[in-house]
């Protein structure tokens, strides 16, 4: 019963696929038969019968051959559809809805599986970062008991670097995750700047940076944690690319329905050929980092990604060998976040 039903389905599908050619051939045969019967009445009809016989014979042979090929391909097609692999490359029939649906289901399944794996990996990294913070805090307390000032200073510097890398890894996991909820609220810009400076105070003091602050009491709608991370990256870059004049200038400006925050350093600057690519993932540029730092090319990429999610604009101005100035524009985007 199943084989009979399958055979009927094959024949119906074959007929639907070739209906245009069958109708065309039928019309051609009908046309020349009518032509012979009505316009060439003097010619012996045996010629017409012979021509019809040849037409039917060759058509039958062609149909048998095409049917055999069609049935074989349909069996192969069914076996492939029952499998778990992408099959359009084998069948080369992009107009077949079943093939497209089959392949789309497989691709969606693979994407869903990979998404789950990435989420588990992000959760693992985030959990690991939180767990490492506990012994790190203990190590910072132990460091204070070291009597030798130079050893204590050197140890503290390395521990602070570990802390910064942990925070970067933790924030990076949150940024890459599509399920992380933004905590958008009215945040004091001055408070965010102060928090970021506090996060970097050890290195700022150690490198004897002079800080010039002129940030007002403006409130901006943003995610405080992510904005502080952005400022951490900018201040970190200012220290990495510091020149002889170790200055950090941070100020804000209020304009109609927007607030602009500026972060400027007097370090190496950015070459004109690099400035358009600084937000690219993995781009490290041509600066020599004072010979002390190895750039990963991820810092400004993450900054750009975060600010894009927050709906803030970022611009950069730089003169190589003199200064670099970043500006973050905060618009009144309460309606965008339904606040």
C-alpha atoms as a PDB file:
ATOM      1  CA  UNK A   1       0.000   0.000   0.000  1.00  0.00           C
ATOM      2  CA  UNK A   2       2.824   2.371   0.918  1.00  0.00           C
ATOM      3  CA  UNK A   3       4.747   1.633  -2.300  1.00  0.00           C
ATOM      4  CA  UNK A   4       1.592   2.140  -4.363  1.00  0.00           C
ATOM      5  CA  UNK A   5       0.920   5.469  -2.665  1.00  0.00           C
ATOM      6  CA  UNK A   6       4.540   6.527  -3.145  1.00  0.00           C
ATOM      7  CA  UNK A   7       4.337   5.640  -6.833  1.00  0.00           C
ATOM      8  CA  UNK A   8       1.182   7.716  -7.245  1.00  0.00           C
ATOM      9  CA  UNK A   9       2.844  10.682  -5.529  1.00  0.00           C
ATOM     10  CA  UNK A  10       5.887  10.367  -7.794  1.00  0.00           C
ATOM     11  CA  UNK A  11       3.698  10.287 -10.916  1.00  0.00           C
ATOM     12  CA  UNK A  12       1.686  13.304  -9.756  1.00  0.00           C
ATOM     13  CA  UNK A  13       4.840  15.256  -9.039  1.00  0.00           C
ATOM     14  CA  UNK A  14       6.357  14.250 -12.377  1.00  0.00           C
ATOM     15  CA  UNK A  15       3.194  15.299 -14.191  1.00  0.00           C
ATOM     16  CA  UNK A  16       3.091  18.685 -12.412  1.00  0.00           C
ATOM     17  CA  UNK A  17       6.740  19.302 -13.175  1.00  0.00           C
ATOM     18  CA  UNK A  18       6.363  18.545 -16.915  1.00  0.00           C
ATOM     19  CA  UNK A  19       2.797  19.762 -17.525  1.00  0.00           C
ATOM     20  CA  UNK A  20       3.984  22.731 -19.605  1.00  0.00           C
ATOM     21  CA  UNK A  21       6.000  20.554 -21.956  1.00  0.00           C
ATOM     22  CA  UNK A  22       3.199  17.987 -22.263  1.00  0.00           C
ATOM     23  CA  UNK A  23       0.684  20.677 -23.200  1.00  0.00           C
ATOM     24  CA  UNK A  24       3.104  22.237 -25.673  1.00  0.00           C
ATOM     25  CA  UNK A  25       3.748  18.884 -27.351  1.00  0.00           C
ATOM     26  CA  UNK A  26       0.020  18.123 -27.453  1.00  0.00           C
ATOM     27  CA  UNK A  27      -0.660  21.444 -29.177  1.00  0.00           C
ATOM     28  CA  UNK A  28       2.106  20.816 -31.727  1.00  0.00           C
ATOM     29  CA  UNK A  29       0.739  17.337 -32.581  1.00  0.00           C
ATOM     30  CA  UNK A  30      -2.801  18.686 -32.765  1.00  0.00           C
ATOM     31  CA  UNK A  31      -1.697  21.538 -35.036  1.00  0.00           C
ATOM     32  CA  UNK A  32       0.079  19.422 -37.630  1.00  0.00           C
ATOM     33  CA  UNK A  33      -2.737  16.830 -37.592  1.00  0.00           C
ATOM     34  CA  UNK A  34      -5.298  19.548 -38.292  1.00  0.00           C
ATOM     35  CA  UNK A  35      -3.016  20.953 -40.951  1.00  0.00           C
ATOM     36  CA  UNK A  36      -2.792  17.591 -42.705  1.00  0.00           C
ATOM     37  CA  UNK A  37      -6.522  16.831 -42.376  1.00  0.00           C
ATOM     38  CA  UNK A  38      -7.897  20.143 -43.611  1.00  0.00           C
ATOM     39  CA  UNK A  39      -5.215  21.810 -45.729  1.00  0.00           C
ATOM     40  CA  UNK A  40      -3.431  18.837 -47.289  1.00  0.00           C
ATOM     41  CA  UNK A  41      -6.386  16.593 -48.105  1.00  0.00           C
ATOM     42  CA  UNK A  42      -4.753  15.215 -51.293  1.00  0.00           C
ATOM     43  CA  UNK A  43      -1.850  13.612 -49.392  1.00  0.00           C
ATOM     44  CA  UNK A  44      -2.210   9.984 -48.335  1.00  0.00           C
ATOM     45  CA  UNK A  45      -3.240   9.807 -44.659  1.00  0.00           C
ATOM     46  CA  UNK A  46      -0.865   6.906 -44.156  1.00  0.00           C
ATOM     47  CA  UNK A  47       1.944   9.487 -43.943  1.00  0.00           C
ATOM     48  CA  UNK A  48       0.077  11.224 -41.133  1.00  0.00           C
ATOM     49  CA  UNK A  49      -0.429   7.959 -39.262  1.00  0.00           C
ATOM     50  CA  UNK A  50       3.232   7.100 -39.707  1.00  0.00           C
ATOM     51  CA  UNK A  51       4.297  10.520 -38.411  1.00  0.00           C
ATOM     52  CA  UNK A  52       1.949  10.159 -35.438  1.00  0.00           C
ATOM     53  CA  UNK A  53       3.383   6.708 -34.736  1.00  0.00           C
ATOM     54  CA  UNK A  54       6.959   8.011 -34.765  1.00  0.00           C
ATOM     55  CA  UNK A  55       5.980  10.927 -32.539  1.00  0.00           C
ATOM     56  CA  UNK A  56       4.274   8.665 -30.011  1.00  0.00           C
ATOM     57  CA  UNK A  57       7.124   6.135 -30.138  1.00  0.00           C
ATOM     58  CA  UNK A  58       9.924   8.613 -29.515  1.00  0.00           C
ATOM     59  CA  UNK A  59       7.825  10.471 -26.956  1.00  0.00           C
ATOM     60  CA  UNK A  60       7.213   7.202 -25.093  1.00  0.00           C
ATOM     61  CA  UNK A  61      10.917   6.313 -25.122  1.00  0.00           C
ATOM     62  CA  UNK A  62      11.849   9.795 -23.955  1.00  0.00           C
ATOM     63  CA  UNK A  63       9.188   9.710 -21.218  1.00  0.00           C
ATOM     64  CA  UNK A  64      10.370   6.305 -19.959  1.00  0.00           C
ATOM     65  CA  UNK A  65      13.935   7.562 -19.782  1.00  0.00           C
ATOM     66  CA  UNK A  66      12.957  10.818 -18.072  1.00  0.00           C
ATOM     67  CA  UNK A  67      10.683   8.962 -15.648  1.00  0.00           C
ATOM     68  CA  UNK A  68      13.497   6.573 -14.693  1.00  0.00           C
ATOM     69  CA  UNK A  69      15.896   9.452 -14.057  1.00  0.00           C
ATOM     70  CA  UNK A  70      13.227  11.415 -12.194  1.00  0.00           C
ATOM     71  CA  UNK A  71      12.320   8.463  -9.949  1.00  0.00           C
ATOM     72  CA  UNK A  72      15.977   7.775  -9.132  1.00  0.00           C
ATOM     73  CA  UNK A  73      16.567  11.428  -8.244  1.00  0.00           C
ATOM     74  CA  UNK A  74      13.421  11.500  -6.118  1.00  0.00           C
ATOM     75  CA  UNK A  75      14.607   8.482  -4.133  1.00  0.00           C
ATOM     76  CA  UNK A  76      17.992  10.136  -3.593  1.00  0.00           C
ATOM     77  CA  UNK A  77      16.228  13.360  -2.685  1.00  0.00           C
ATOM     78  CA  UNK A  78      14.028  11.603  -0.119  1.00  0.00           C
ATOM     79  CA  UNK A  79      17.051   9.909   1.469  1.00  0.00           C
ATOM     80  CA  UNK A  80      18.830  13.256   1.696  1.00  0.00           C
ATOM     81  CA  UNK A  81      15.741  14.961   3.150  1.00  0.00           C
ATOM     82  CA  UNK A  82      15.628  12.290   5.859  1.00  0.00           C
ATOM     83  CA  UNK A  83      19.256  13.055   6.737  1.00  0.00           C
ATOM     84  CA  UNK A  84      20.767  15.784   8.912  1.00  0.00           C
ATOM     85  CA  UNK A  85      23.036  17.482   6.391  1.00  0.00           C
ATOM     86  CA  UNK A  86      22.765  20.514   4.137  1.00  0.00           C
ATOM     87  CA  UNK A  87      21.606  19.116   0.794  1.00  0.00           C
ATOM     88  CA  UNK A  88      21.074  22.003  -1.640  1.00  0.00           C
ATOM     89  CA  UNK A  89      24.686  21.658  -2.818  1.00  0.00           C
ATOM     90  CA  UNK A  90      23.960  18.065  -3.830  1.00  0.00           C
ATOM     91  CA  UNK A  91      20.582  18.599  -5.466  1.00  0.00           C
ATOM     92  CA  UNK A  92      21.213  22.069  -6.916  1.00  0.00           C
ATOM     93  CA  UNK A  93      17.517  22.973  -6.820  1.00  0.00           C
ATOM     94  CA  UNK A  94      17.065  26.238  -4.927  1.00  0.00           C
ATOM     95  CA  UNK A  95      13.419  26.551  -5.956  1.00  0.00           C
ATOM     96  CA  UNK A  96      12.376  23.387  -4.116  1.00  0.00           C
ATOM     97  CA  UNK A  97      10.543  24.481  -0.959  1.00  0.00           C
ATOM     98  CA  UNK A  98      11.164  21.171   0.825  1.00  0.00           C
ATOM     99  CA  UNK A  99      14.908  21.436   0.277  1.00  0.00           C
ATOM    100  CA  UNK A 100      14.969  25.043   1.471  1.00  0.00           C
ATOM    101  CA  UNK A 101      12.885  24.212   4.548  1.00  0.00           C
ATOM    102  CA  UNK A 102      15.044  21.165   5.309  1.00  0.00           C
ATOM    103  CA  UNK A 103      18.275  23.155   5.063  1.00  0.00           C
ATOM    104  CA  UNK A 104      16.874  26.138   6.976  1.00  0.00           C
ATOM    105  CA  UNK A 105      15.775  23.838   9.812  1.00  0.00           C
ATOM    106  CA  UNK A 106      19.264  22.339   9.973  1.00  0.00           C
ATOM    107  CA  UNK A 107      20.977  25.750   9.877  1.00  0.00           C
ATOM    108  CA  UNK A 108      18.639  27.124  12.560  1.00  0.00           C
ATOM    109  CA  UNK A 109      19.309  24.067  14.693  1.00  0.00           C
ATOM    110  CA  UNK A 110      23.069  24.494  14.318  1.00  0.00           C
ATOM    111  CA  UNK A 111      22.835  28.204  15.144  1.00  0.00           C
ATOM    112  CA  UNK A 112      20.684  27.461  18.187  1.00  0.00           C
ATOM    113  CA  UNK A 113      23.147  24.816  19.363  1.00  0.00           C
ATOM    114  CA  UNK A 114      26.106  27.158  18.850  1.00  0.00           C
ATOM    115  CA  UNK A 115      24.233  29.944  20.653  1.00  0.00           C
ATOM    116  CA  UNK A 116      23.678  27.662  23.655  1.00  0.00           C
ATOM    117  CA  UNK A 117      27.365  26.695  23.644  1.00  0.00           C
ATOM    118  CA  UNK A 118      28.419  30.361  23.529  1.00  0.00           C
ATOM    119  CA  UNK A 119      26.027  31.235  26.366  1.00  0.00           C
ATOM    120  CA  UNK A 120      27.422  28.411  28.495  1.00  0.00           C
ATOM    121  CA  UNK A 121      30.973  29.553  27.740  1.00  0.00           C
ATOM    122  CA  UNK A 122      30.124  33.156  28.637  1.00  0.00           C
ATOM    123  CA  UNK A 123      28.499  32.008  31.872  1.00  0.00           C
ATOM    124  CA  UNK A 124      31.571  29.932  32.692  1.00  0.00           C
ATOM    125  CA  UNK A 125      33.969  32.831  32.029  1.00  0.00           C
ATOM    126  CA  UNK A 126      31.803  35.234  34.051  1.00  0.00           C
ATOM    127  CA  UNK A 127      31.631  32.766  36.951  1.00  0.00           C
ATOM    128  CA  UNK A 128      35.372  32.180  36.757  1.00  0.00           C
ATOM    129  CA  UNK A 129      36.061  35.943  36.846  1.00  0.00           C
ATOM    130  CA  UNK A 130      33.892  36.362  39.942  1.00  0.00           C
ATOM    131  CA  UNK A 131      35.614  33.436  41.675  1.00  0.00           C
ATOM    132  CA  UNK A 132      39.102  34.740  40.879  1.00  0.00           C
ATOM    133  CA  UNK A 133      38.206  38.131  42.372  1.00  0.00           C
ATOM    134  CA  UNK A 134      38.060  36.551  45.846  1.00  0.00           C
ATOM    135  CA  UNK A 135      41.694  35.348  46.003  1.00  0.00           C
ATOM    136  CA  UNK A 136      42.720  38.536  44.181  1.00  0.00           C
ATOM    137  CA  UNK A 137      41.200  40.668  46.947  1.00  0.00           C
ATOM    138  CA  UNK A 138      42.991  38.503  49.496  1.00  0.00           C
ATOM    139  CA  UNK A 139      46.260  38.968  47.599  1.00  0.00           C
ATOM    140  CA  UNK A 140      45.794  42.765  47.651  1.00  0.00           C
ATOM    141  CA  UNK A 141      45.367  42.652  51.433  1.00  0.00           C
ATOM    142  CA  UNK A 142      48.437  40.451  51.829  1.00  0.00           C
ATOM    143  CA  UNK A 143      50.404  42.833  49.610  1.00  0.00           C
ATOM    144  CA  UNK A 144      49.858  45.610  52.163  1.00  0.00           C
ATOM    145  CA  UNK A 145      51.805  43.554  54.723  1.00  0.00           C
ATOM    146  CA  UNK A 146      54.937  43.386  52.596  1.00  0.00           C
ATOM    147  CA  UNK A 147      57.571  45.480  54.349  1.00  0.00           C
ATOM    148  CA  UNK A 148      59.847  46.236  51.406  1.00  0.00           C
ATOM    149  CA  UNK A 149      58.279  49.294  49.637  1.00  0.00           C
ATOM    150  CA  UNK A 150      59.638  48.469  46.184  1.00  0.00           C
ATOM    151  CA  UNK A 151      58.473  44.856  46.310  1.00  0.00           C
ATOM    152  CA  UNK A 152      55.089  45.950  47.648  1.00  0.00           C
ATOM    153  CA  UNK A 153      54.746  48.500  44.823  1.00  0.00           C
ATOM    154  CA  UNK A 154      55.733  46.016  42.121  1.00  0.00           C
ATOM    155  CA  UNK A 155      53.387  43.360  43.479  1.00  0.00           C
ATOM    156  CA  UNK A 156      50.519  45.838  43.747  1.00  0.00           C
ATOM    157  CA  UNK A 157      51.003  46.915  40.138  1.00  0.00           C
ATOM    158  CA  UNK A 158      50.750  43.347  38.856  1.00  0.00           C
ATOM    159  CA  UNK A 159      47.689  42.633  41.002  1.00  0.00           C
ATOM    160  CA  UNK A 160      45.998  45.786  39.733  1.00  0.00           C
ATOM    161  CA  UNK A 161      46.679  44.700  36.162  1.00  0.00           C
ATOM    162  CA  UNK A 162      45.056  41.345  36.896  1.00  0.00           C
ATOM    163  CA  UNK A 163      42.051  43.133  38.372  1.00  0.00           C
ATOM    164  CA  UNK A 164      41.688  45.300  35.269  1.00  0.00           C
ATOM    165  CA  UNK A 165      41.950  42.298  32.949  1.00  0.00           C
ATOM    166  CA  UNK A 166      39.304  40.457  34.973  1.00  0.00           C
ATOM    167  CA  UNK A 167      36.937  43.414  34.747  1.00  0.00           C
ATOM    168  CA  UNK A 168      37.555  43.665  31.002  1.00  0.00           C
ATOM    169  CA  UNK A 169      36.855  39.955  30.508  1.00  0.00           C
ATOM    170  CA  UNK A 170      33.700  40.147  32.627  1.00  0.00           C
ATOM    171  CA  UNK A 171      32.372  43.199  30.803  1.00  0.00           C
ATOM    172  CA  UNK A 172      33.321  41.670  27.462  1.00  0.00           C
ATOM    173  CA  UNK A 173      31.153  38.636  28.235  1.00  0.00           C
ATOM    174  CA  UNK A 174      28.208  40.876  29.045  1.00  0.00           C
ATOM    175  CA  UNK A 175      28.663  42.972  25.916  1.00  0.00           C
ATOM    176  CA  UNK A 176      28.827  39.927  23.641  1.00  0.00           C
ATOM    177  CA  UNK A 177      25.748  38.380  25.255  1.00  0.00           C
ATOM    178  CA  UNK A 178      22.430  39.283  23.604  1.00  0.00           C
ATOM    179  CA  UNK A 179      20.518  38.376  26.774  1.00  0.00           C
ATOM    180  CA  UNK A 180      22.179  41.003  28.967  1.00  0.00           C
ATOM    181  CA  UNK A 181      19.652  43.623  30.027  1.00  0.00           C
ATOM    182  CA  UNK A 182      20.603  47.284  29.837  1.00  0.00           C
ATOM    183  CA  UNK A 183      20.097  49.169  33.078  1.00  0.00           C
ATOM    184  CA  UNK A 184      19.263  52.536  31.532  1.00  0.00           C
ATOM    185  CA  UNK A 185      18.593  55.294  34.030  1.00  0.00           C
ATOM    186  CA  UNK A 186      19.463  58.902  34.792  1.00  0.00           C
ATOM    187  CA  UNK A 187      23.109  58.852  35.846  1.00  0.00           C
ATOM    188  CA  UNK A 188      25.332  61.672  37.040  1.00  0.00           C
ATOM    189  CA  UNK A 189      28.128  62.137  34.514  1.00  0.00           C
ATOM    190  CA  UNK A 190      30.477  63.430  37.199  1.00  0.00           C
ATOM    191  CA  UNK A 191      29.851  60.313  39.281  1.00  0.00           C
ATOM    192  CA  UNK A 192      30.783  58.023  36.376  1.00  0.00           C
ATOM    193  CA  UNK A 193      33.995  59.949  35.708  1.00  0.00           C
ATOM    194  CA  UNK A 194      34.943  59.847  39.399  1.00  0.00           C
ATOM    195  CA  UNK A 195      34.321  56.084  39.544  1.00  0.00           C
ATOM    196  CA  UNK A 196      36.521  55.496  36.514  1.00  0.00           C
ATOM    197  CA  UNK A 197      39.336  57.644  37.904  1.00  0.00           C
ATOM    198  CA  UNK A 198      39.100  55.719  41.165  1.00  0.00           C
ATOM    199  CA  UNK A 199      39.353  52.436  39.247  1.00  0.00           C
ATOM    200  CA  UNK A 200      42.585  53.672  37.665  1.00  0.00           C
ATOM    201  CA  UNK A 201      43.953  55.717  40.561  1.00  0.00           C
ATOM    202  CA  UNK A 202      46.833  53.345  41.311  1.00  0.00           C
ATOM    203  CA  UNK A 203      48.297  53.644  37.807  1.00  0.00           C
ATOM    204  CA  UNK A 204      47.478  57.354  37.506  1.00  0.00           C
ATOM    205  CA  UNK A 205      49.350  58.076  40.731  1.00  0.00           C
ATOM    206  CA  UNK A 206      52.155  55.656  39.935  1.00  0.00           C
ATOM    207  CA  UNK A 207      52.713  57.277  36.539  1.00  0.00           C
ATOM    208  CA  UNK A 208      52.299  60.760  38.029  1.00  0.00           C
ATOM    209  CA  UNK A 209      49.478  61.873  35.781  1.00  0.00           C
ATOM    210  CA  UNK A 210      48.091  65.359  36.201  1.00  0.00           C
ATOM    211  CA  UNK A 211      44.291  65.317  35.937  1.00  0.00           C
ATOM    212  CA  UNK A 212      42.168  68.305  34.925  1.00  0.00           C
ATOM    213  CA  UNK A 213      38.435  67.855  35.583  1.00  0.00           C
ATOM    214  CA  UNK A 214      35.636  70.181  34.571  1.00  0.00           C
ATOM    215  CA  UNK A 215      32.563  67.951  34.533  1.00  0.00           C
ATOM    216  CA  UNK A 216      29.257  69.494  35.537  1.00  0.00           C
ATOM    217  CA  UNK A 217      26.302  67.995  37.362  1.00  0.00           C
ATOM    218  CA  UNK A 218      24.570  66.897  34.148  1.00  0.00           C
ATOM    219  CA  UNK A 219      22.423  63.789  34.178  1.00  0.00           C
ATOM    220  CA  UNK A 220      22.528  61.461  31.173  1.00  0.00           C
ATOM    221  CA  UNK A 221      20.447  58.404  30.364  1.00  0.00           C
ATOM    222  CA  UNK A 222      22.810  55.467  30.133  1.00  0.00           C
ATOM    223  CA  UNK A 223      23.970  52.240  31.759  1.00  0.00           C
ATOM    224  CA  UNK A 224      26.393  53.303  34.471  1.00  0.00           C
ATOM    225  CA  UNK A 225      28.410  50.072  34.516  1.00  0.00           C
ATOM    226  CA  UNK A 226      29.029  50.128  30.786  1.00  0.00           C
ATOM    227  CA  UNK A 227      29.798  53.850  30.661  1.00  0.00           C
ATOM    228  CA  UNK A 228      32.370  53.455  33.443  1.00  0.00           C
ATOM    229  CA  UNK A 229      33.952  50.619  31.460  1.00  0.00           C
ATOM    230  CA  UNK A 230      34.162  52.894  28.395  1.00  0.00           C
ATOM    231  CA  UNK A 231      35.854  55.609  30.458  1.00  0.00           C
ATOM    232  CA  UNK A 232      38.215  53.006  31.947  1.00  0.00           C
ATOM    233  CA  UNK A 233      39.314  52.055  28.440  1.00  0.00           C
ATOM    234  CA  UNK A 234      39.882  55.686  27.444  1.00  0.00           C
ATOM    235  CA  UNK A 235      41.858  56.482  30.584  1.00  0.00           C
ATOM    236  CA  UNK A 236      43.812  53.249  30.151  1.00  0.00           C
ATOM    237  CA  UNK A 237      44.706  54.245  26.589  1.00  0.00           C
ATOM    238  CA  UNK A 238      45.798  57.678  27.809  1.00  0.00           C
ATOM    239  CA  UNK A 239      48.288  55.981  30.133  1.00  0.00           C
ATOM    240  CA  UNK A 240      49.464  53.489  27.504  1.00  0.00           C
ATOM    241  CA  UNK A 241      50.174  56.188  24.932  1.00  0.00           C
ATOM    242  CA  UNK A 242      51.442  58.821  27.368  1.00  0.00           C
ATOM    243  CA  UNK A 243      54.190  61.134  26.203  1.00  0.00           C
ATOM    244  CA  UNK A 244      56.462  63.380  28.221  1.00  0.00           C
ATOM    245  CA  UNK A 245      53.488  65.578  29.122  1.00  0.00           C
ATOM    246  CA  UNK A 246      51.402  63.257  31.310  1.00  0.00           C
ATOM    247  CA  UNK A 247      48.116  65.087  31.414  1.00  0.00           C
ATOM    248  CA  UNK A 248      44.519  63.901  31.328  1.00  0.00           C
ATOM    249  CA  UNK A 249      41.770  66.427  30.583  1.00  0.00           C
ATOM    250  CA  UNK A 250      38.116  65.491  31.104  1.00  0.00           C
ATOM    251  CA  UNK A 251      35.324  68.030  30.699  1.00  0.00           C
ATOM    252  CA  UNK A 252      31.682  68.216  29.673  1.00  0.00           C
ATOM    253  CA  UNK A 253      29.583  70.607  27.612  1.00  0.00           C
ATOM    254  CA  UNK A 254      25.806  71.041  27.581  1.00  0.00           C
ATOM    255  CA  UNK A 255      24.077  71.814  24.264  1.00  0.00           C
ATOM    256  CA  UNK A 256      20.292  72.060  23.881  1.00  0.00           C
ATOM    257  CA  UNK A 257      19.069  68.444  24.091  1.00  0.00           C
ATOM    258  CA  UNK A 258      22.455  66.759  24.326  1.00  0.00           C
ATOM    259  CA  UNK A 259      25.525  66.562  26.563  1.00  0.00           C
ATOM    260  CA  UNK A 260      29.060  65.992  25.293  1.00  0.00           C
ATOM    261  CA  UNK A 261      31.848  64.468  27.394  1.00  0.00           C
ATOM    262  CA  UNK A 262      35.451  65.026  26.274  1.00  0.00           C
ATOM    263  CA  UNK A 263      38.457  62.900  27.256  1.00  0.00           C
ATOM    264  CA  UNK A 264      41.809  64.239  26.056  1.00  0.00           C
ATOM    265  CA  UNK A 265      45.410  63.207  26.623  1.00  0.00           C
ATOM    266  CA  UNK A 266      48.703  64.759  25.520  1.00  0.00           C
ATOM    267  CA  UNK A 267      50.308  61.502  24.443  1.00  0.00           C
ATOM    268  CA  UNK A 268      51.488  59.992  21.179  1.00  0.00           C
ATOM    269  CA  UNK A 269      48.331  60.699  19.241  1.00  0.00           C
ATOM    270  CA  UNK A 270      46.994  58.635  16.352  1.00  0.00           C
ATOM    271  CA  UNK A 271      48.389  58.627  12.846  1.00  0.00           C
ATOM    272  CA  UNK A 272      46.047  59.965  10.199  1.00  0.00           C
ATOM    273  CA  UNK A 273      46.236  56.680   8.293  1.00  0.00           C
ATOM    274  CA  UNK A 274      45.014  54.789  11.383  1.00  0.00           C
ATOM    275  CA  UNK A 275      42.304  57.057  12.733  1.00  0.00           C
ATOM    276  CA  UNK A 276      39.500  55.608  10.605  1.00  0.00           C
ATOM    277  CA  UNK A 277      40.316  52.056  11.673  1.00  0.00           C
ATOM    278  CA  UNK A 278      40.776  52.386  15.420  1.00  0.00           C
ATOM    279  CA  UNK A 279      37.339  50.869  16.143  1.00  0.00           C
ATOM    280  CA  UNK A 280      37.988  47.774  14.032  1.00  0.00           C
ATOM    281  CA  UNK A 281      38.267  44.491  15.882  1.00  0.00           C
ATOM    282  CA  UNK A 282      41.899  43.479  16.320  1.00  0.00           C
ATOM    283  CA  UNK A 283      43.340  46.647  14.777  1.00  0.00           C
ATOM    284  CA  UNK A 284      46.529  47.655  16.630  1.00  0.00           C
ATOM    285  CA  UNK A 285      47.816  50.530  14.504  1.00  0.00           C
ATOM    286  CA  UNK A 286      51.417  51.628  14.048  1.00  0.00           C
ATOM    287  CA  UNK A 287      52.080  53.304  17.392  1.00  0.00           C
ATOM    288  CA  UNK A 288      54.915  51.851  19.437  1.00  0.00           C
ATOM    289  CA  UNK A 289      53.109  52.060  22.836  1.00  0.00           C
ATOM    290  CA  UNK A 290      56.251  53.464  24.466  1.00  0.00           C
ATOM    291  CA  UNK A 291      57.757  49.983  24.120  1.00  0.00           C
ATOM    292  CA  UNK A 292      55.882  48.893  27.268  1.00  0.00           C
ATOM    293  CA  UNK A 293      52.492  47.632  26.075  1.00  0.00           C
ATOM    294  CA  UNK A 294      51.263  45.090  23.581  1.00  0.00           C
ATOM    295  CA  UNK A 295      47.924  46.155  22.146  1.00  0.00           C
ATOM    296  CA  UNK A 296      45.159  43.588  21.553  1.00  0.00           C
ATOM    297  CA  UNK A 297      43.067  45.803  19.300  1.00  0.00           C
ATOM    298  CA  UNK A 298      39.972  45.027  21.389  1.00  0.00           C
ATOM    299  CA  UNK A 299      39.653  48.058  23.689  1.00  0.00           C
ATOM    300  CA  UNK A 300      38.222  50.647  21.295  1.00  0.00           C
ATOM    301  CA  UNK A 301      36.301  47.939  19.447  1.00  0.00           C
ATOM    302  CA  UNK A 302      34.475  47.142  22.698  1.00  0.00           C
ATOM    303  CA  UNK A 303      33.998  50.866  23.374  1.00  0.00           C
ATOM    304  CA  UNK A 304      32.382  51.349  19.977  1.00  0.00           C
ATOM    305  CA  UNK A 305      30.167  48.286  20.462  1.00  0.00           C
ATOM    306  CA  UNK A 306      28.987  49.400  23.907  1.00  0.00           C
ATOM    307  CA  UNK A 307      28.247  52.992  22.906  1.00  0.00           C
ATOM    308  CA  UNK A 308      26.326  51.783  19.876  1.00  0.00           C
ATOM    309  CA  UNK A 309      24.106  49.654  22.118  1.00  0.00           C
ATOM    310  CA  UNK A 310      23.618  52.557  24.479  1.00  0.00           C
ATOM    311  CA  UNK A 311      22.671  54.881  21.629  1.00  0.00           C
ATOM    312  CA  UNK A 312      25.596  57.281  22.216  1.00  0.00           C
ATOM    313  CA  UNK A 313      27.859  58.730  19.520  1.00  0.00           C
ATOM    314  CA  UNK A 314      31.644  58.729  19.715  1.00  0.00           C
ATOM    315  CA  UNK A 315      34.093  60.897  17.780  1.00  0.00           C
ATOM    316  CA  UNK A 316      37.851  61.247  17.864  1.00  0.00           C
ATOM    317  CA  UNK A 317      40.273  64.028  16.980  1.00  0.00           C
ATOM    318  CA  UNK A 318      44.013  63.573  17.052  1.00  0.00           C
ATOM    319  CA  UNK A 319      47.261  65.146  15.966  1.00  0.00           C
ATOM    320  CA  UNK A 320      50.089  62.686  15.886  1.00  0.00           C
ATOM    321  CA  UNK A 321      52.698  63.461  18.518  1.00  0.00           C
ATOM    322  CA  UNK A 322      50.507  66.034  20.313  1.00  0.00           C
ATOM    323  CA  UNK A 323      47.097  64.898  21.555  1.00  0.00           C
ATOM    324  CA  UNK A 324      44.088  62.596  21.229  1.00  0.00           C
ATOM    325  CA  UNK A 325      40.585  63.789  22.085  1.00  0.00           C
ATOM    326  CA  UNK A 326      37.554  61.503  22.331  1.00  0.00           C
ATOM    327  CA  UNK A 327      34.056  62.929  22.622  1.00  0.00           C
ATOM    328  CA  UNK A 328      30.943  61.002  23.668  1.00  0.00           C
ATOM    329  CA  UNK A 329      27.593  62.574  22.792  1.00  0.00           C
ATOM    330  CA  UNK A 330      24.640  61.753  25.051  1.00  0.00           C
ATOM    331  CA  UNK A 331      21.263  62.516  23.537  1.00  0.00           C
ATOM    332  CA  UNK A 332      17.994  62.682  25.422  1.00  0.00           C
ATOM    333  CA  UNK A 333      16.979  59.143  24.455  1.00  0.00           C
ATOM    334  CA  UNK A 334      14.344  58.485  27.119  1.00  0.00           C
ATOM    335  CA  UNK A 335      11.717  57.782  24.481  1.00  0.00           C
ATOM    336  CA  UNK A 336      14.012  55.253  22.782  1.00  0.00           C
ATOM    337  CA  UNK A 337      14.330  53.244  26.006  1.00  0.00           C
ATOM    338  CA  UNK A 338      10.686  53.851  27.043  1.00  0.00           C
ATOM    339  CA  UNK A 339      11.679  55.697  30.217  1.00  0.00           C
END
